[in-house]
PDB file of N, CA and C in Angstrom:
ATOM      1  N   UNK A   1    -104.677 -29.205 -33.776  1.00  0.00           N
ATOM      2  CA  UNK A   1    -104.251 -28.915 -32.531  1.00  0.00           C
ATOM      3  C   UNK A   1    -102.863 -29.598 -32.562  1.00  0.00           C
ATOM      4  N   UNK A   2    -101.657 -29.191 -31.797  1.00  0.00           N
ATOM      5  CA  UNK A   2    -100.267 -29.012 -31.460  1.00  0.00           C
ATOM      6  C   UNK A   2    -100.277 -29.755 -30.270  1.00  0.00           C
ATOM      7  N   UNK A   3     -99.444 -30.800 -29.958  1.00  0.00           N
ATOM      8  CA  UNK A   3     -99.257 -31.643 -28.608  1.00  0.00           C
ATOM      9  C   UNK A   3     -97.866 -31.739 -28.532  1.00  0.00           C
ATOM     10  N   UNK A   4     -97.431 -30.826 -27.395  1.00  0.00           N
ATOM     11  CA  UNK A   4     -96.439 -30.572 -26.748  1.00  0.00           C
ATOM     12  C   UNK A   4     -95.756 -31.193 -26.046  1.00  0.00           C
ATOM     13  N   UNK A   5     -94.573 -31.590 -25.800  1.00  0.00           N
ATOM     14  CA  UNK A   5     -94.377 -32.977 -24.840  1.00  0.00           C
ATOM     15  C   UNK A   5     -92.787 -31.782 -24.091  1.00  0.00           C
ATOM     16  N   UNK A   6     -93.301 -31.938 -22.808  1.00  0.00           N
ATOM     17  CA  UNK A   6     -91.772 -31.182 -21.741  1.00  0.00           C
ATOM     18  C   UNK A   6     -91.610 -32.129 -20.648  1.00  0.00           C
ATOM     19  N   UNK A   7     -90.794 -33.099 -21.213  1.00  0.00           N
ATOM     20  CA  UNK A   7     -90.396 -34.006 -20.130  1.00  0.00           C
ATOM     21  C   UNK A   7     -89.171 -34.149 -20.329  1.00  0.00           C
ATOM     22  N   UNK A   8     -88.421 -34.204 -18.833  1.00  0.00           N
ATOM     23  CA  UNK A   8     -86.893 -34.515 -18.954  1.00  0.00           C
ATOM     24  C   UNK A   8     -86.319 -35.405 -17.851  1.00  0.00           C
ATOM     25  N   UNK A   9     -85.307 -36.107 -18.241  1.00  0.00           N
ATOM     26  CA  UNK A   9     -84.805 -37.190 -17.034  1.00  0.00           C
ATOM     27  C   UNK A   9     -83.335 -36.369 -17.206  1.00  0.00           C
ATOM     28  N   UNK A  10     -82.807 -36.042 -15.931  1.00  0.00           N
ATOM     29  CA  UNK A  10     -81.541 -35.600 -15.522  1.00  0.00           C
ATOM     30  C   UNK A  10     -80.601 -36.218 -14.518  1.00  0.00           C
ATOM     31  N   UNK A  11     -79.539 -36.437 -14.328  1.00  0.00           N
ATOM     32  CA  UNK A  11     -78.949 -36.737 -13.654  1.00  0.00           C
ATOM     33  C   UNK A  11     -77.519 -36.291 -13.005  1.00  0.00           C
ATOM     34  N   UNK A  12     -77.087 -35.807 -12.549  1.00  0.00           N
ATOM     35  CA  UNK A  12     -75.904 -34.626 -11.640  1.00  0.00           C
ATOM     36  C   UNK A  12     -75.707 -34.621 -10.479  1.00  0.00           C
ATOM     37  N   UNK A  13     -74.788 -33.783 -10.410  1.00  0.00           N
ATOM     38  CA  UNK A  13     -73.955 -33.709  -9.036  1.00  0.00           C
ATOM     39  C   UNK A  13     -74.621 -32.413  -8.392  1.00  0.00           C
ATOM     40  N   UNK A  14     -74.988 -32.560  -7.323  1.00  0.00           N
ATOM     41  CA  UNK A  14     -75.458 -31.003  -6.930  1.00  0.00           C
ATOM     42  C   UNK A  14     -74.378 -30.184  -6.241  1.00  0.00           C
ATOM     43  N   UNK A  15     -73.904 -28.882  -7.014  1.00  0.00           N
ATOM     44  CA  UNK A  15     -73.237 -27.811  -6.907  1.00  0.00           C
ATOM     45  C   UNK A  15     -73.342 -26.801  -5.785  1.00  0.00           C
ATOM     46  N   UNK A  16     -74.777 -26.450  -5.240  1.00  0.00           N
ATOM     47  CA  UNK A  16     -75.337 -25.487  -4.310  1.00  0.00           C
ATOM     48  C   UNK A  16     -76.892 -25.983  -4.051  1.00  0.00           C
ATOM     49  N   UNK A  17     -77.289 -25.614  -2.723  1.00  0.00           N
ATOM     50  CA  UNK A  17     -78.287 -25.287  -2.591  1.00  0.00           C
ATOM     51  C   UNK A  17     -78.989 -24.220  -2.054  1.00  0.00           C
ATOM     52  N   UNK A  18     -80.481 -23.871  -1.879  1.00  0.00           N
ATOM     53  CA  UNK A  18     -80.952 -22.938  -1.411  1.00  0.00           C
ATOM     54  C   UNK A  18     -82.847 -22.784  -1.256  1.00  0.00           C
ATOM     55  N   UNK A  19     -82.953 -22.235  -0.287  1.00  0.00           N
ATOM     56  CA  UNK A  19     -84.491 -22.376  -0.183  1.00  0.00           C
ATOM     57  C   UNK A  19     -85.448 -20.990  -1.084  1.00  0.00           C
ATOM     58  N   UNK A  20     -86.510 -21.655  -1.185  1.00  0.00           N
ATOM     59  CA  UNK A  20     -87.189 -20.267  -2.398  1.00  0.00           C
ATOM     60  C   UNK A  20     -88.508 -20.866  -1.472  1.00  0.00           C
ATOM     61  N   UNK A  21     -89.257 -19.787  -0.717  1.00  0.00           N
ATOM     62  CA  UNK A  21     -90.640 -20.614  -0.065  1.00  0.00           C
ATOM     63  C   UNK A  21     -90.312 -21.488   0.570  1.00  0.00           C
ATOM     64  N   UNK A  22     -90.977 -22.266   0.128  1.00  0.00           N
ATOM     65  CA  UNK A  22     -91.600 -24.230   0.755  1.00  0.00           C
ATOM     66  C   UNK A  22     -90.731 -24.650  -0.440  1.00  0.00           C
ATOM     67  N   UNK A  23     -90.180 -23.957  -1.150  1.00  0.00           N
ATOM     68  CA  UNK A  23     -89.227 -25.417  -2.471  1.00  0.00           C
ATOM     69  C   UNK A  23     -87.959 -25.147  -1.973  1.00  0.00           C
ATOM     70  N   UNK A  24     -87.385 -26.367  -2.449  1.00  0.00           N
ATOM     71  CA  UNK A  24     -85.599 -26.647  -2.563  1.00  0.00           C
ATOM     72  C   UNK A  24     -85.245 -26.146  -3.419  1.00  0.00           C
ATOM     73  N   UNK A  25     -84.150 -25.283  -4.192  1.00  0.00           N
ATOM     74  CA  UNK A  25     -83.471 -24.975  -5.241  1.00  0.00           C
ATOM     75  C   UNK A  25     -81.957 -25.597  -4.831  1.00  0.00           C
ATOM     76  N   UNK A  26     -81.670 -25.812  -6.412  1.00  0.00           N
ATOM     77  CA  UNK A  26     -80.849 -27.225  -6.518  1.00  0.00           C
ATOM     78  C   UNK A  26     -79.999 -26.736  -8.002  1.00  0.00           C
ATOM     79  N   UNK A  27     -78.524 -26.170  -7.912  1.00  0.00           N
ATOM     80  CA  UNK A  27     -77.893 -26.621  -9.053  1.00  0.00           C
ATOM     81  C   UNK A  27     -77.161 -27.585  -9.375  1.00  0.00           C
ATOM     82  N   UNK A  28     -77.147 -27.951 -10.261  1.00  0.00           N
ATOM     83  CA  UNK A  28     -76.719 -29.337 -10.528  1.00  0.00           C
ATOM     84  C   UNK A  28     -75.772 -29.351 -11.822  1.00  0.00           C
ATOM     85  N   UNK A  29     -74.722 -30.097 -11.504  1.00  0.00           N
ATOM     86  CA  UNK A  29     -73.797 -30.316 -12.428  1.00  0.00           C
ATOM     87  C   UNK A  29     -73.969 -31.646 -13.572  1.00  0.00           C
ATOM     88  N   UNK A  30     -74.044 -31.599 -14.770  1.00  0.00           N
ATOM     89  CA  UNK A  30     -73.674 -32.676 -15.820  1.00  0.00           C
ATOM     90  C   UNK A  30     -72.960 -33.098 -16.818  1.00  0.00           C
ATOM     91  N   UNK A  31     -72.447 -33.926 -17.106  1.00  0.00           N
ATOM     92  CA  UNK A  31     -71.438 -33.887 -17.771  1.00  0.00           C
ATOM     93  C   UNK A  31     -71.889 -34.213 -19.583  1.00  0.00           C
ATOM     94  N   UNK A  32     -71.410 -33.489 -19.940  1.00  0.00           N
ATOM     95  CA  UNK A  32     -72.026 -33.755 -21.151  1.00  0.00           C
ATOM     96  C   UNK A  32     -71.350 -35.052 -22.095  1.00  0.00           C
ATOM     97  N   UNK A  33     -72.416 -35.428 -23.395  1.00  0.00           N
ATOM     98  CA  UNK A  33     -72.243 -36.634 -24.113  1.00  0.00           C
ATOM     99  C   UNK A  33     -71.078 -36.400 -24.362  1.00  0.00           C
ATOM    100  N   UNK A  34     -70.298 -37.881 -24.555  1.00  0.00           N
ATOM    101  CA  UNK A  34     -69.379 -37.040 -25.429  1.00  0.00           C
ATOM    102  C   UNK A  34     -69.540 -37.210 -26.939  1.00  0.00           C
ATOM    103  N   UNK A  35     -70.722 -37.228 -27.688  1.00  0.00           N
ATOM    104  CA  UNK A  35     -70.854 -36.754 -29.121  1.00  0.00           C
ATOM    105  C   UNK A  35     -71.081 -35.311 -29.203  1.00  0.00           C
ATOM    106  N   UNK A  36     -71.608 -34.949 -27.894  1.00  0.00           N
ATOM    107  CA  UNK A  36     -71.633 -32.936 -28.357  1.00  0.00           C
ATOM    108  C   UNK A  36     -70.196 -32.756 -28.286  1.00  0.00           C
ATOM    109  N   UNK A  37     -70.101 -31.048 -29.116  1.00  0.00           N
ATOM    110  CA  UNK A  37     -69.188 -30.155 -28.489  1.00  0.00           C
ATOM    111  C   UNK A  37     -68.746 -29.567 -27.313  1.00  0.00           C
ATOM    112  N   UNK A  38     -67.272 -29.976 -27.316  1.00  0.00           N
ATOM    113  CA  UNK A  38     -66.714 -29.255 -25.555  1.00  0.00           C
ATOM    114  C   UNK A  38     -67.167 -28.303 -25.653  1.00  0.00           C
ATOM    115  N   UNK A  39     -67.391 -27.579 -24.522  1.00  0.00           N
ATOM    116  CA  UNK A  39     -67.894 -26.222 -23.753  1.00  0.00           C
ATOM    117  C   UNK A  39     -66.015 -25.533 -23.765  1.00  0.00           C
ATOM    118  N   UNK A  40     -66.324 -24.460 -23.867  1.00  0.00           N
ATOM    119  CA  UNK A  40     -64.450 -23.758 -24.049  1.00  0.00           C
ATOM    120  C   UNK A  40     -64.561 -23.494 -22.128  1.00  0.00           C
ATOM    121  N   UNK A  41     -65.019 -23.794 -21.270  1.00  0.00           N
ATOM    122  CA  UNK A  41     -65.062 -23.213 -19.979  1.00  0.00           C
ATOM    123  C   UNK A  41     -65.303 -24.929 -19.367  1.00  0.00           C
ATOM    124  N   UNK A  42     -65.229 -25.630 -19.767  1.00  0.00           N
ATOM    125  CA  UNK A  42     -65.599 -26.642 -18.939  1.00  0.00           C
ATOM    126  C   UNK A  42     -66.530 -27.996 -19.280  1.00  0.00           C
ATOM    127  N   UNK A  43     -66.646 -29.326 -19.174  1.00  0.00           N
ATOM    128  CA  UNK A  43     -67.145 -30.604 -19.677  1.00  0.00           C
ATOM    129  C   UNK A  43     -68.419 -30.901 -18.978  1.00  0.00           C
ATOM    130  N   UNK A  44     -68.989 -29.558 -18.393  1.00  0.00           N
ATOM    131  CA  UNK A  44     -70.398 -29.998 -17.921  1.00  0.00           C
ATOM    132  C   UNK A  44     -70.951 -28.901 -18.232  1.00  0.00           C
ATOM    133  N   UNK A  45     -72.496 -29.277 -17.989  1.00  0.00           N
ATOM    134  CA  UNK A  45     -73.498 -28.072 -18.108  1.00  0.00           C
ATOM    135  C   UNK A  45     -73.927 -28.221 -16.927  1.00  0.00           C
ATOM    136  N   UNK A  46     -74.890 -26.556 -16.941  1.00  0.00           N
ATOM    137  CA  UNK A  46     -75.058 -26.742 -15.379  1.00  0.00           C
ATOM    138  C   UNK A  46     -76.455 -26.289 -15.604  1.00  0.00           C
ATOM    139  N   UNK A  47     -77.676 -26.579 -14.651  1.00  0.00           N
ATOM    140  CA  UNK A  47     -78.994 -26.509 -14.830  1.00  0.00           C
ATOM    141  C   UNK A  47     -79.467 -26.513 -13.106  1.00  0.00           C
ATOM    142  N   UNK A  48     -80.719 -25.085 -12.674  1.00  0.00           N
ATOM    143  CA  UNK A  48     -81.485 -24.931 -11.952  1.00  0.00           C
ATOM    144  C   UNK A  48     -82.335 -26.507 -11.619  1.00  0.00           C
ATOM    145  N   UNK A  49     -82.701 -27.087 -10.399  1.00  0.00           N
ATOM    146  CA  UNK A  49     -83.574 -27.654 -10.630  1.00  0.00           C
ATOM    147  C   UNK A  49     -84.010 -27.352  -9.399  1.00  0.00           C
ATOM    148  N   UNK A  50     -85.818 -27.409  -9.213  1.00  0.00           N
ATOM    149  CA  UNK A  50     -86.756 -26.946  -8.381  1.00  0.00           C
ATOM    150  C   UNK A  50     -87.277 -28.299  -7.905  1.00  0.00           C
ATOM    151  N   UNK A  51     -87.069 -28.375  -6.496  1.00  0.00           N
ATOM    152  CA  UNK A  51     -87.716 -29.800  -5.866  1.00  0.00           C
ATOM    153  C   UNK A  51     -89.212 -29.307  -4.929  1.00  0.00           C
ATOM    154  N   UNK A  52     -90.319 -29.150  -5.444  1.00  0.00           N
ATOM    155  CA  UNK A  52     -91.337 -28.537  -4.953  1.00  0.00           C
ATOM    156  C   UNK A  52     -91.626 -29.251  -3.585  1.00  0.00           C
ATOM    157  N   UNK A  53     -91.872 -27.922  -2.452  1.00  0.00           N
ATOM    158  CA  UNK A  53     -92.222 -28.162  -1.139  1.00  0.00           C
ATOM    159  C   UNK A  53     -91.248 -29.478  -0.532  1.00  0.00           C
ATOM    160  N   UNK A  54     -90.135 -29.732  -0.779  1.00  0.00           N
ATOM    161  CA  UNK A  54     -89.013 -30.121  -0.001  1.00  0.00           C
ATOM    162  C   UNK A  54     -88.877 -29.554   0.878  1.00  0.00           C
ATOM    163  N   UNK A  55     -88.498 -28.144   1.411  1.00  0.00           N
ATOM    164  CA  UNK A  55     -88.305 -27.697   2.553  1.00  0.00           C
ATOM    165  C   UNK A  55     -89.332 -27.971   3.781  1.00  0.00           C
ATOM    166  N   UNK A  56     -91.114 -28.086   3.300  1.00  0.00           N
ATOM    167  CA  UNK A  56     -92.035 -28.416   4.003  1.00  0.00           C
ATOM    168  C   UNK A  56     -92.076 -29.931   4.590  1.00  0.00           C
ATOM    169  N   UNK A  57     -91.195 -30.590   3.367  1.00  0.00           N
ATOM    170  CA  UNK A  57     -91.328 -31.915   3.977  1.00  0.00           C
ATOM    171  C   UNK A  57     -90.282 -32.272   5.028  1.00  0.00           C
ATOM    172  N   UNK A  58     -88.964 -31.424   4.761  1.00  0.00           N
ATOM    173  CA  UNK A  58     -88.129 -31.733   6.044  1.00  0.00           C
ATOM    174  C   UNK A  58     -86.948 -32.390   4.617  1.00  0.00           C
ATOM    175  N   UNK A  59     -86.979 -32.255   3.150  1.00  0.00           N
ATOM    176  CA  UNK A  59     -86.330 -33.036   2.853  1.00  0.00           C
ATOM    177  C   UNK A  59     -85.117 -32.097   2.277  1.00  0.00           C
ATOM    178  N   UNK A  60     -83.858 -32.960   2.960  1.00  0.00           N
ATOM    179  CA  UNK A  60     -82.546 -31.891   2.709  1.00  0.00           C
ATOM    180  C   UNK A  60     -81.538 -32.553   1.360  1.00  0.00           C
ATOM    181  N   UNK A  61     -80.839 -31.431   0.847  1.00  0.00           N
ATOM    182  CA  UNK A  61     -79.998 -32.220   0.031  1.00  0.00           C
ATOM    183  C   UNK A  61     -78.675 -31.561   0.420  1.00  0.00           C
ATOM    184  N   UNK A  62     -77.129 -32.279  -0.036  1.00  0.00           N
ATOM    185  CA  UNK A  62     -75.867 -31.770   0.320  1.00  0.00           C
ATOM    186  C   UNK A  62     -75.637 -31.620  -0.856  1.00  0.00           C
ATOM    187  N   UNK A  63     -74.328 -30.835  -0.731  1.00  0.00           N
ATOM    188  CA  UNK A  63     -73.436 -30.988  -2.121  1.00  0.00           C
ATOM    189  C   UNK A  63     -72.437 -31.532  -1.927  1.00  0.00           C
ATOM    190  N   UNK A  64     -71.963 -32.099  -3.629  1.00  0.00           N
ATOM    191  CA  UNK A  64     -71.566 -33.488  -3.937  1.00  0.00           C
ATOM    192  C   UNK A  64     -73.126 -34.417  -4.113  1.00  0.00           C
ATOM    193  N   UNK A  65     -73.758 -34.636  -3.254  1.00  0.00           N
ATOM    194  CA  UNK A  65     -74.583 -35.898  -3.561  1.00  0.00           C
ATOM    195  C   UNK A  65     -74.877 -35.844  -5.334  1.00  0.00           C
ATOM    196  N   UNK A  66     -75.769 -37.192  -5.435  1.00  0.00           N
ATOM    197  CA  UNK A  66     -76.193 -37.359  -6.900  1.00  0.00           C
ATOM    198  C   UNK A  66     -77.576 -37.523  -6.719  1.00  0.00           C
ATOM    199  N   UNK A  67     -78.205 -36.704  -7.638  1.00  0.00           N
ATOM    200  CA  UNK A  67     -79.178 -36.467  -7.879  1.00  0.00           C
ATOM    201  C   UNK A  67     -80.178 -36.691  -9.170  1.00  0.00           C
ATOM    202  N   UNK A  68     -80.739 -37.717  -9.354  1.00  0.00           N
ATOM    203  CA  UNK A  68     -81.848 -37.930 -10.339  1.00  0.00           C
ATOM    204  C   UNK A  68     -83.030 -37.630 -10.095  1.00  0.00           C
ATOM    205  N   UNK A  69     -83.475 -36.556 -11.454  1.00  0.00           N
ATOM    206  CA  UNK A  69     -84.895 -35.881 -11.456  1.00  0.00           C
ATOM    207  C   UNK A  69     -85.678 -36.496 -12.968  1.00  0.00           C
ATOM    208  N   UNK A  70     -86.834 -36.835 -12.871  1.00  0.00           N
ATOM    209  CA  UNK A  70     -88.016 -36.356 -13.924  1.00  0.00           C
ATOM    210  C   UNK A  70     -88.682 -35.512 -13.817  1.00  0.00           C
ATOM    211  N   UNK A  71     -89.007 -34.568 -14.971  1.00  0.00           N
ATOM    212  CA  UNK A  71     -89.819 -33.520 -14.759  1.00  0.00           C
ATOM    213  C   UNK A  71     -90.028 -32.613 -15.772  1.00  0.00           C
ATOM    214  N   UNK A  72     -89.792 -31.342 -16.051  1.00  0.00           N
ATOM    215  CA  UNK A  72     -90.449 -30.463 -16.839  1.00  0.00           C
ATOM    216  C   UNK A  72     -89.820 -29.140 -16.777  1.00  0.00           C
ATOM    217  N   UNK A  73     -89.349 -28.506 -18.104  1.00  0.00           N
ATOM    218  CA  UNK A  73     -89.142 -27.349 -17.767  1.00  0.00           C
ATOM    219  C   UNK A  73     -90.160 -25.967 -17.994  1.00  0.00           C
ATOM    220  N   UNK A  74     -89.392 -25.106 -17.008  1.00  0.00           N
ATOM    221  CA  UNK A  74     -90.594 -24.198 -17.040  1.00  0.00           C
ATOM    222  C   UNK A  74     -89.452 -22.510 -16.736  1.00  0.00           C
ATOM    223  N   UNK A  75     -90.465 -21.632 -17.470  1.00  0.00           N
ATOM    224  CA  UNK A  75     -89.689 -20.317 -16.970  1.00  0.00           C
ATOM    225  C   UNK A  75     -90.691 -19.544 -16.230  1.00  0.00           C
ATOM    226  N   UNK A  76     -89.946 -19.286 -14.986  1.00  0.00           N
ATOM    227  CA  UNK A  76     -89.891 -18.242 -13.658  1.00  0.00           C
ATOM    228  C   UNK A  76     -89.526 -16.732 -13.370  1.00  0.00           C
ATOM    229  N   UNK A  77     -90.012 -15.879 -13.425  1.00  0.00           N
ATOM    230  CA  UNK A  77     -90.170 -14.589 -12.976  1.00  0.00           C
ATOM    231  C   UNK A  77     -89.356 -14.878 -11.364  1.00  0.00           C
ATOM    232  N   UNK A  78     -88.133 -13.865 -11.427  1.00  0.00           N
ATOM    233  CA  UNK A  78     -87.689 -13.518 -10.197  1.00  0.00           C
ATOM    234  C   UNK A  78     -86.882 -12.492 -10.061  1.00  0.00           C
ATOM    235  N   UNK A  79     -87.244 -12.035  -8.634  1.00  0.00           N
ATOM    236  CA  UNK A  79     -86.537 -10.668  -8.235  1.00  0.00           C
ATOM    237  C   UNK A  79     -84.852 -10.821  -7.681  1.00  0.00           C
ATOM    238  N   UNK A  80     -84.283 -10.558  -8.350  1.00  0.00           N
ATOM    239  CA  UNK A  80     -82.875 -10.712  -7.751  1.00  0.00           C
ATOM    240  C   UNK A  80     -82.487  -9.247  -7.435  1.00  0.00           C
ATOM    241  N   UNK A  81     -81.646  -9.381  -6.211  1.00  0.00           N
ATOM    242  CA  UNK A  81     -80.528  -8.037  -5.618  1.00  0.00           C
ATOM    243  C   UNK A  81     -79.572  -8.126  -6.902  1.00  0.00           C
ATOM    244  N   UNK A  82     -79.076  -6.898  -7.555  1.00  0.00           N
ATOM    245  CA  UNK A  82     -78.245  -6.513  -8.295  1.00  0.00           C
ATOM    246  C   UNK A  82     -76.625  -6.944  -7.704  1.00  0.00           C
ATOM    247  N   UNK A  83     -76.768  -6.939  -6.573  1.00  0.00           N
ATOM    248  CA  UNK A  83     -75.516  -7.782  -5.846  1.00  0.00           C
ATOM    249  C   UNK A  83     -75.078  -8.992  -6.414  1.00  0.00           C
ATOM    250  N   UNK A  84     -75.818  -9.729  -6.253  1.00  0.00           N
ATOM    251  CA  UNK A  84     -76.180 -11.400  -6.949  1.00  0.00           C
ATOM    252  C   UNK A  84     -75.629 -11.316  -8.143  1.00  0.00           C
ATOM    253  N   UNK A  85     -75.776 -10.338  -9.191  1.00  0.00           N
ATOM    254  CA  UNK A  85     -75.801 -10.538 -10.608  1.00  0.00           C
ATOM    255  C   UNK A  85     -74.248 -10.169 -10.767  1.00  0.00           C
ATOM    256  N   UNK A  86     -73.945  -8.905 -10.448  1.00  0.00           N
ATOM    257  CA  UNK A  86     -72.802  -8.522 -10.312  1.00  0.00           C
ATOM    258  C   UNK A  86     -72.030  -8.328  -9.452  1.00  0.00           C
ATOM    259  N   UNK A  87     -71.222 -10.115  -9.603  1.00  0.00           N
ATOM    260  CA  UNK A  87     -70.749 -10.457  -8.569  1.00  0.00           C
ATOM    261  C   UNK A  87     -69.173  -9.934  -8.318  1.00  0.00           C
ATOM    262  N   UNK A  88     -68.785  -9.665  -9.575  1.00  0.00           N
ATOM    263  CA  UNK A  88     -67.393  -9.145  -9.599  1.00  0.00           C
ATOM    264  C   UNK A  88     -67.195  -8.033  -9.843  1.00  0.00           C
ATOM    265  N   UNK A  89     -68.231  -7.082  -9.380  1.00  0.00           N
ATOM    266  CA  UNK A  89     -67.970  -5.376  -9.594  1.00  0.00           C
ATOM    267  C   UNK A  89     -68.705  -4.687  -8.279  1.00  0.00           C
ATOM    268  N   UNK A  90     -67.874  -3.958  -8.007  1.00  0.00           N
ATOM    269  CA  UNK A  90     -68.183  -3.020  -6.862  1.00  0.00           C
ATOM    270  C   UNK A  90     -69.030  -1.995  -7.268  1.00  0.00           C
ATOM    271  N   UNK A  91     -70.333  -2.204  -6.547  1.00  0.00           N
ATOM    272  CA  UNK A  91     -71.646  -1.474  -6.511  1.00  0.00           C
ATOM    273  C   UNK A  91     -71.330  -0.270  -5.678  1.00  0.00           C
ATOM    274  N   UNK A  92     -71.916   0.624  -5.335  1.00  0.00           N
ATOM    275  CA  UNK A  92     -72.102   1.515  -4.521  1.00  0.00           C
ATOM    276  C   UNK A  92     -73.338   1.017  -3.429  1.00  0.00           C
ATOM    277  N   UNK A  93     -73.332   1.271  -2.287  1.00  0.00           N
ATOM    278  CA  UNK A  93     -74.422   0.257  -1.257  1.00  0.00           C
ATOM    279  C   UNK A  93     -75.743   0.527  -1.429  1.00  0.00           C
ATOM    280  N   UNK A  94     -76.073   2.230  -2.285  1.00  0.00           N
ATOM    281  CA  UNK A  94     -77.575   1.987  -2.309  1.00  0.00           C
ATOM    282  C   UNK A  94     -78.062   0.962  -3.565  1.00  0.00           C
ATOM    283  N   UNK A  95     -77.312   0.522  -4.633  1.00  0.00           N
ATOM    284  CA  UNK A  95     -77.312  -0.388  -5.579  1.00  0.00           C
ATOM    285  C   UNK A  95     -77.726  -1.650  -5.301  1.00  0.00           C
ATOM    286  N   UNK A  96     -76.502  -2.135  -4.102  1.00  0.00           N
ATOM    287  CA  UNK A  96     -76.747  -3.703  -3.629  1.00  0.00           C
ATOM    288  C   UNK A  96     -77.861  -4.599  -3.841  1.00  0.00           C
ATOM    289  N   UNK A  97     -78.865  -3.359  -2.939  1.00  0.00           N
ATOM    290  CA  UNK A  97     -80.008  -4.096  -2.657  1.00  0.00           C
ATOM    291  C   UNK A  97     -81.073  -4.364  -3.386  1.00  0.00           C
ATOM    292  N   UNK A  98     -80.918  -3.030  -4.655  1.00  0.00           N
ATOM    293  CA  UNK A  98     -81.772  -2.860  -5.881  1.00  0.00           C
ATOM    294  C   UNK A  98     -82.320  -4.407  -6.450  1.00  0.00           C
ATOM    295  N   UNK A  99     -83.780  -4.346  -6.849  1.00  0.00           N
ATOM    296  CA  UNK A  99     -83.900  -5.738  -7.373  1.00  0.00           C
ATOM    297  C   UNK A  99     -83.902  -5.666  -8.652  1.00  0.00           C
ATOM    298  N   UNK A 100     -84.174  -6.614  -9.145  1.00  0.00           N
ATOM    299  CA  UNK A 100     -83.737  -6.795 -10.821  1.00  0.00           C
ATOM    300  C   UNK A 100     -84.690  -7.601 -10.960  1.00  0.00           C
ATOM    301  N   UNK A 101     -85.712  -7.590 -12.028  1.00  0.00           N
ATOM    302  CA  UNK A 101     -86.660  -8.693 -12.794  1.00  0.00           C
ATOM    303  C   UNK A 101     -85.505  -9.754 -13.615  1.00  0.00           C
ATOM    304  N   UNK A 102     -85.666 -11.244 -13.231  1.00  0.00           N
ATOM    305  CA  UNK A 102     -84.886 -11.832 -14.013  1.00  0.00           C
ATOM    306  C   UNK A 102     -86.278 -13.044 -14.699  1.00  0.00           C
ATOM    307  N   UNK A 103     -86.027 -13.265 -15.906  1.00  0.00           N
ATOM    308  CA  UNK A 103     -86.558 -14.890 -16.203  1.00  0.00           C
ATOM    309  C   UNK A 103     -85.838 -16.185 -16.333  1.00  0.00           C
ATOM    310  N   UNK A 104     -85.886 -16.977 -15.598  1.00  0.00           N
ATOM    311  CA  UNK A 104     -84.923 -17.798 -15.422  1.00  0.00           C
ATOM    312  C   UNK A 104     -85.408 -19.251 -15.737  1.00  0.00           C
ATOM    313  N   UNK A 105     -85.403 -19.622 -16.279  1.00  0.00           N
ATOM    314  CA  UNK A 105     -85.370 -21.397 -17.259  1.00  0.00           C
ATOM    315  C   UNK A 105     -84.965 -22.009 -15.380  1.00  0.00           C
ATOM    316  N   UNK A 106     -85.449 -23.256 -15.269  1.00  0.00           N
ATOM    317  CA  UNK A 106     -85.277 -24.215 -14.719  1.00  0.00           C
ATOM    318  C   UNK A 106     -86.440 -25.490 -14.491  1.00  0.00           C
ATOM    319  N   UNK A 107     -85.881 -26.359 -14.068  1.00  0.00           N
ATOM    320  CA  UNK A 107     -86.455 -28.190 -14.466  1.00  0.00           C
ATOM    321  C   UNK A 107     -87.323 -27.831 -13.161  1.00  0.00           C
ATOM    322  N   UNK A 108     -88.476 -28.215 -13.195  1.00  0.00           N
ATOM    323  CA  UNK A 108     -89.209 -28.479 -11.890  1.00  0.00           C
ATOM    324  C   UNK A 108     -89.473 -29.787 -11.534  1.00  0.00           C
ATOM    325  N   UNK A 109     -89.012 -30.730 -10.812  1.00  0.00           N
ATOM    326  CA  UNK A 109     -89.173 -32.275 -10.506  1.00  0.00           C
ATOM    327  C   UNK A 109     -90.171 -32.673 -10.119  1.00  0.00           C
ATOM    328  N   UNK A 110     -90.525 -33.731 -10.822  1.00  0.00           N
ATOM    329  CA  UNK A 110     -92.095 -34.067 -10.186  1.00  0.00           C
ATOM    330  C   UNK A 110     -91.525 -35.683  -9.361  1.00  0.00           C
ATOM    331  N   UNK A 111     -90.458 -36.325  -9.863  1.00  0.00           N
ATOM    332  CA  UNK A 111     -89.990 -36.780  -8.917  1.00  0.00           C
ATOM    333  C   UNK A 111     -88.602 -37.052  -8.789  1.00  0.00           C
ATOM    334  N   UNK A 112     -87.928 -37.285  -7.392  1.00  0.00           N
ATOM    335  CA  UNK A 112     -86.363 -37.283  -7.900  1.00  0.00           C
ATOM    336  C   UNK A 112     -85.552 -38.292  -6.717  1.00  0.00           C
ATOM    337  N   UNK A 113     -84.536 -38.488  -6.612  1.00  0.00           N
ATOM    338  CA  UNK A 113     -83.926 -39.775  -5.804  1.00  0.00           C
ATOM    339  C   UNK A 113     -82.636 -39.298  -5.785  1.00  0.00           C
ATOM    340  N   UNK A 114     -82.360 -39.201  -4.722  1.00  0.00           N
ATOM    341  CA  UNK A 114     -81.087 -38.675  -3.874  1.00  0.00           C
ATOM    342  C   UNK A 114     -80.186 -39.511  -3.916  1.00  0.00           C
ATOM    343  N   UNK A 115     -78.580 -39.753  -3.908  1.00  0.00           N
ATOM    344  CA  UNK A 115     -77.376 -41.012  -3.821  1.00  0.00           C
ATOM    345  C   UNK A 115     -76.739 -39.857  -2.784  1.00  0.00           C
ATOM    346  N   UNK A 116     -75.890 -40.677  -2.292  1.00  0.00           N
ATOM    347  CA  UNK A 116     -74.655 -40.256  -1.349  1.00  0.00           C
ATOM    348  C   UNK A 116     -73.559 -39.694  -2.174  1.00  0.00           C
ATOM    349  N   UNK A 117     -72.555 -39.289  -1.588  1.00  0.00           N
ATOM    350  CA  UNK A 117     -72.038 -38.611  -2.506  1.00  0.00           C
ATOM    351  C   UNK A 117     -70.668 -39.976  -2.856  1.00  0.00           C
ATOM    352  N   UNK A 118     -70.114 -39.935  -3.860  1.00  0.00           N
ATOM    353  CA  UNK A 118     -69.094 -40.848  -3.748  1.00  0.00           C
ATOM    354  C   UNK A 118     -67.586 -40.631  -2.181  1.00  0.00           C
ATOM    355  N   UNK A 119     -67.611 -41.565  -1.932  1.00  0.00           N
ATOM    356  CA  UNK A 119     -66.352 -41.330  -1.147  1.00  0.00           C
ATOM    357  C   UNK A 119     -64.653 -41.271  -1.988  1.00  0.00           C
ATOM    358  N   UNK A 120     -63.736 -40.410  -1.330  1.00  0.00           N
ATOM    359  CA  UNK A 120     -62.566 -40.343  -2.687  1.00  0.00           C
ATOM    360  C   UNK A 120     -61.688 -40.809  -1.231  1.00  0.00           C
TER     361      UNK A 120
END
């Protein structure tokens, strides 16, 4: 029998938030470790984090806040409007609302803590 470990710890800055049912979604920006190769498009990595039942509980999150998360990775099926995938492409009106099935990799938070944005 093989045992698999699926446990992640993340710390990052909130770039974007949305609601998905009773869950709150967060786009998190994390600085890469110094020993990792630098990306061509910037020093940060991005990940989507799901805060389960956060909408139901009235949990609000704001851009710029720091989020500390303990959770696990999962793949989820999503129906996404074509217009949100092809952002810089001019689509005919009949194609804008066509939904495309996507498999999205995300982190589901088991525990999280939010810290206020740093004042500049």
